[in-house]
Amino acid sequence: MTSFFLFLSKVFKWSFGFFDTFGNVLNWVLFIVCCALFTYWCYVLVKTLGNNKDKDYYSPTEGKFPYYDPNIYKKEG
């Protein structure tokens, strides 16, 4: 029975090492993805909206989804 618990102990030690390594790899992957998104966000802000180009920006959804739609929020009665 002792050998079983020693084996179980080795399995637990291996699983904690695996989860530690997996967490480290996942952390780096998420960090790289977030860096890429941040770089893209900066690119959009500087390239497409920089130098007062935001006045010429056309939003394809502007006016189509209003915050307050009187057709939906009309009083009954």
N, C-alpha and C. Protein backbone atom coordinates (compact mmCIF):
# COMPACT_ATOMS: atom_id res chain seq x y z
N MET A 1 0.82 -1.20 0.00
CA MET A 1 0.00 0.00 0.00
C MET A 1 0.86 1.26 0.00
N THR A 2 2.01 1.18 0.63
CA THR A 2 2.89 2.34 0.68
C THR A 2 3.38 2.70 -0.71
N SER A 3 3.66 1.69 -1.53
CA SER A 3 4.14 1.98 -2.88
C SER A 3 3.07 2.71 -3.70
N PHE A 4 1.81 2.39 -3.45
CA PHE A 4 0.73 3.08 -4.15
C PHE A 4 0.72 4.57 -3.79
N PHE A 5 0.88 4.87 -2.49
CA PHE A 5 0.88 6.27 -2.07
C PHE A 5 2.13 7.00 -2.56
N LEU A 6 3.25 6.30 -2.65
CA LEU A 6 4.45 6.92 -3.22
C LEU A 6 4.23 7.22 -4.71
N PHE A 7 3.60 6.29 -5.41
CA PHE A 7 3.27 6.53 -6.82
C PHE A 7 2.29 7.70 -6.97
N LEU A 8 1.27 7.72 -6.11
CA LEU A 8 0.31 8.82 -6.14
C LEU A 8 0.98 10.16 -5.84
N SER A 9 1.95 10.14 -4.95
CA SER A 9 2.69 11.36 -4.64
C SER A 9 3.49 11.83 -5.86
N LYS A 10 4.09 10.90 -6.58
CA LYS A 10 4.83 11.27 -7.79
C LYS A 10 3.90 11.83 -8.86
N VAL A 11 2.70 11.24 -8.97
CA VAL A 11 1.73 11.73 -9.94
C VAL A 11 1.30 13.15 -9.59
N PHE A 12 1.03 13.39 -8.30
CA PHE A 12 0.65 14.74 -7.89
C PHE A 12 1.77 15.74 -8.14
N LYS A 13 3.00 15.36 -7.83
CA LYS A 13 4.12 16.27 -8.06
C LYS A 13 4.27 16.56 -9.55
N TRP A 14 4.10 15.54 -10.40
CA TRP A 14 4.19 15.75 -11.84
C TRP A 14 3.06 16.65 -12.33
N SER A 15 1.82 16.42 -11.81
CA SER A 15 0.69 17.23 -12.28
C SER A 15 0.86 18.69 -11.88
N PHE A 16 1.37 18.97 -10.69
CA PHE A 16 1.58 20.35 -10.29
C PHE A 16 2.65 21.00 -11.16
N GLY A 17 3.69 20.25 -11.50
CA GLY A 17 4.70 20.78 -12.41
C GLY A 17 4.12 21.04 -13.80
N PHE A 18 3.25 20.14 -14.24
CA PHE A 18 2.61 20.31 -15.55
C PHE A 18 1.74 21.56 -15.56
N PHE A 19 0.92 21.72 -14.51
CA PHE A 19 0.05 22.89 -14.47
C PHE A 19 0.85 24.18 -14.34
N ASP A 20 1.96 24.15 -13.61
CA ASP A 20 2.82 25.32 -13.49
C ASP A 20 3.41 25.68 -14.86
N THR A 21 3.89 24.68 -15.59
CA THR A 21 4.45 24.93 -16.92
C THR A 21 3.36 25.38 -17.89
N PHE A 22 2.21 24.73 -17.86
CA PHE A 22 1.10 25.10 -18.73
C PHE A 22 0.63 26.52 -18.45
N GLY A 23 0.55 26.89 -17.18
CA GLY A 23 0.16 28.25 -16.82
C GLY A 23 1.17 29.26 -17.31
N ASN A 24 2.45 28.92 -17.23
CA ASN A 24 3.49 29.82 -17.71
C ASN A 24 3.40 30.01 -19.22
N VAL A 25 3.21 28.93 -19.95
CA VAL A 25 3.08 29.00 -21.42
C VAL A 25 1.82 29.79 -21.79
N LEU A 26 0.71 29.51 -21.11
CA LEU A 26 -0.53 30.22 -21.39
C LEU A 26 -0.38 31.71 -21.09
N ASN A 27 0.33 32.03 -20.03
CA ASN A 27 0.57 33.42 -19.68
C ASN A 27 1.34 34.14 -20.79
N TRP A 28 2.36 33.50 -21.34
CA TRP A 28 3.13 34.13 -22.42
C TRP A 28 2.32 34.25 -23.70
N VAL A 29 1.50 33.25 -24.00
CA VAL A 29 0.66 33.33 -25.20
C VAL A 29 -0.33 34.48 -25.08
N LEU A 30 -0.97 34.60 -23.91
CA LEU A 30 -1.91 35.71 -23.72
C LEU A 30 -1.19 37.05 -23.75
N PHE A 31 0.01 37.11 -23.22
CA PHE A 31 0.78 38.35 -23.25
C PHE A 31 1.10 38.76 -24.68
N ILE A 32 1.49 37.81 -25.52
CA ILE A 32 1.81 38.11 -26.91
C ILE A 32 0.55 38.55 -27.67
N VAL A 33 -0.58 37.87 -27.41
CA VAL A 33 -1.83 38.26 -28.07
C VAL A 33 -2.25 39.67 -27.64
N CYS A 34 -2.13 39.96 -26.36
CA CYS A 34 -2.51 41.30 -25.89
C CYS A 34 -1.56 42.36 -26.44
N CYS A 35 -0.28 42.05 -26.57
CA CYS A 35 0.65 43.00 -27.18
C CYS A 35 0.28 43.26 -28.64
N ALA A 36 -0.11 42.22 -29.35
CA ALA A 36 -0.51 42.39 -30.75
C ALA A 36 -1.78 43.24 -30.84
N LEU A 37 -2.76 43.00 -29.98
CA LEU A 37 -3.98 43.80 -29.99
C LEU A 37 -3.70 45.26 -29.63
N PHE A 38 -2.81 45.47 -28.66
CA PHE A 38 -2.47 46.84 -28.27
C PHE A 38 -1.75 47.55 -29.41
N THR A 39 -0.86 46.84 -30.10
CA THR A 39 -0.15 47.44 -31.23
C THR A 39 -1.12 47.78 -32.36
N TYR A 40 -2.08 46.91 -32.63
CA TYR A 40 -3.09 47.18 -33.65
C TYR A 40 -3.95 48.38 -33.25
N TRP A 41 -4.32 48.45 -31.96
CA TRP A 41 -5.12 49.56 -31.47
C TRP A 41 -4.37 50.88 -31.64
N CYS A 42 -3.08 50.87 -31.31
CA CYS A 42 -2.27 52.08 -31.50
C CYS A 42 -2.17 52.43 -32.98
N TYR A 43 -2.03 51.44 -33.84
CA TYR A 43 -1.96 51.68 -35.28
C TYR A 43 -3.25 52.34 -35.77
N VAL A 44 -4.40 51.82 -35.33
CA VAL A 44 -5.67 52.40 -35.75
C VAL A 44 -5.79 53.83 -35.25
N LEU A 45 -5.40 54.07 -33.99
CA LEU A 45 -5.51 55.42 -33.45
C LEU A 45 -4.61 56.40 -34.19
N VAL A 46 -3.38 55.99 -34.49
CA VAL A 46 -2.42 56.91 -35.09
C VAL A 46 -2.61 57.00 -36.60
N LYS A 47 -2.75 55.88 -37.27
CA LYS A 47 -2.79 55.87 -38.73
C LYS A 47 -4.13 56.34 -39.28
N THR A 48 -5.21 55.77 -38.79
CA THR A 48 -6.51 56.08 -39.39
C THR A 48 -7.18 57.28 -38.75
N LEU A 49 -6.93 57.56 -37.48
CA LEU A 49 -7.62 58.66 -36.82
C LEU A 49 -6.68 59.80 -36.44
N GLY A 50 -5.39 59.66 -36.67
CA GLY A 50 -4.44 60.69 -36.29
C GLY A 50 -4.46 61.87 -37.24
N ASN A 51 -3.88 62.99 -36.80
CA ASN A 51 -3.73 64.20 -37.60
C ASN A 51 -5.10 64.75 -38.03
N ASN A 52 -6.04 64.76 -37.09
CA ASN A 52 -7.39 65.29 -37.32
C ASN A 52 -8.15 64.56 -38.43
N LYS A 53 -7.80 63.33 -38.69
CA LYS A 53 -8.55 62.55 -39.68
C LYS A 53 -9.84 62.01 -39.09
N ASP A 54 -9.99 62.13 -37.75
CA ASP A 54 -11.20 61.61 -37.14
C ASP A 54 -12.43 62.41 -37.57
N LYS A 55 -12.24 63.64 -38.05
CA LYS A 55 -13.37 64.42 -38.53
C LYS A 55 -13.90 63.86 -39.86
N ASP A 56 -13.03 63.21 -40.61
CA ASP A 56 -13.44 62.62 -41.89
C ASP A 56 -13.84 61.16 -41.75
N TYR A 57 -13.77 60.61 -40.53
CA TYR A 57 -14.05 59.19 -40.33
C TYR A 57 -15.54 58.93 -40.49
N TYR A 58 -15.86 57.89 -41.23
CA TYR A 58 -17.25 57.50 -41.44
C TYR A 58 -17.49 56.18 -40.74
N SER A 59 -18.44 56.16 -39.82
CA SER A 59 -18.79 54.95 -39.12
C SER A 59 -19.91 54.24 -39.86
N PRO A 60 -19.73 52.98 -40.24
CA PRO A 60 -20.78 52.28 -41.00
C PRO A 60 -22.03 51.99 -40.17
N THR A 61 -21.95 52.07 -38.83
CA THR A 61 -23.12 51.77 -38.00
C THR A 61 -23.70 53.00 -37.33
N GLU A 62 -23.18 54.18 -37.62
CA GLU A 62 -23.67 55.38 -36.95
C GLU A 62 -25.10 55.68 -37.38
N GLY A 63 -25.95 55.85 -36.38
CA GLY A 63 -27.36 56.14 -36.64
C GLY A 63 -28.23 54.93 -36.84
N LYS A 64 -27.65 53.77 -37.02
CA LYS A 64 -28.45 52.57 -37.26
C LYS A 64 -28.89 51.91 -35.96
N PHE A 65 -28.09 52.08 -34.90
CA PHE A 65 -28.40 51.48 -33.60
C PHE A 65 -28.42 52.59 -32.55
N PRO A 66 -29.49 53.38 -32.50
CA PRO A 66 -29.51 54.48 -31.54
C PRO A 66 -29.65 53.98 -30.10
N TYR A 67 -29.14 54.79 -29.17
CA TYR A 67 -29.24 54.43 -27.76
C TYR A 67 -30.70 54.49 -27.32
N TYR A 68 -31.40 55.48 -27.79
CA TYR A 68 -32.82 55.63 -27.44
C TYR A 68 -33.63 55.59 -28.73
N ASP A 69 -34.44 54.58 -28.88
CA ASP A 69 -35.28 54.43 -30.05
C ASP A 69 -36.72 54.72 -29.66
N PRO A 70 -37.30 55.82 -30.13
CA PRO A 70 -38.68 56.15 -29.71
C PRO A 70 -39.71 55.11 -30.13
N ASN A 71 -39.42 54.35 -31.15
CA ASN A 71 -40.37 53.30 -31.56
C ASN A 71 -40.46 52.19 -30.54
N ILE A 72 -39.39 51.95 -29.82
CA ILE A 72 -39.38 50.89 -28.83
C ILE A 72 -39.89 51.40 -27.49
N TYR A 73 -39.47 52.62 -27.10
CA TYR A 73 -39.77 53.14 -25.78
C TYR A 73 -40.90 54.18 -25.80
N LYS A 74 -41.97 53.90 -26.48
CA LYS A 74 -43.09 54.84 -26.49
C LYS A 74 -44.07 54.48 -25.38
N LYS A 75 -44.71 55.51 -24.86
CA LYS A 75 -45.65 55.30 -23.76
C LYS A 75 -46.95 54.72 -24.30
N GLU A 76 -47.47 53.80 -23.57
CA GLU A 76 -48.74 53.19 -23.93
C GLU A 76 -49.85 53.95 -23.18
N GLY A 77 -50.91 54.27 -23.84
CA GLY A 77 -52.04 54.80 -23.13
C GLY A 77 -52.31 56.18 -23.35
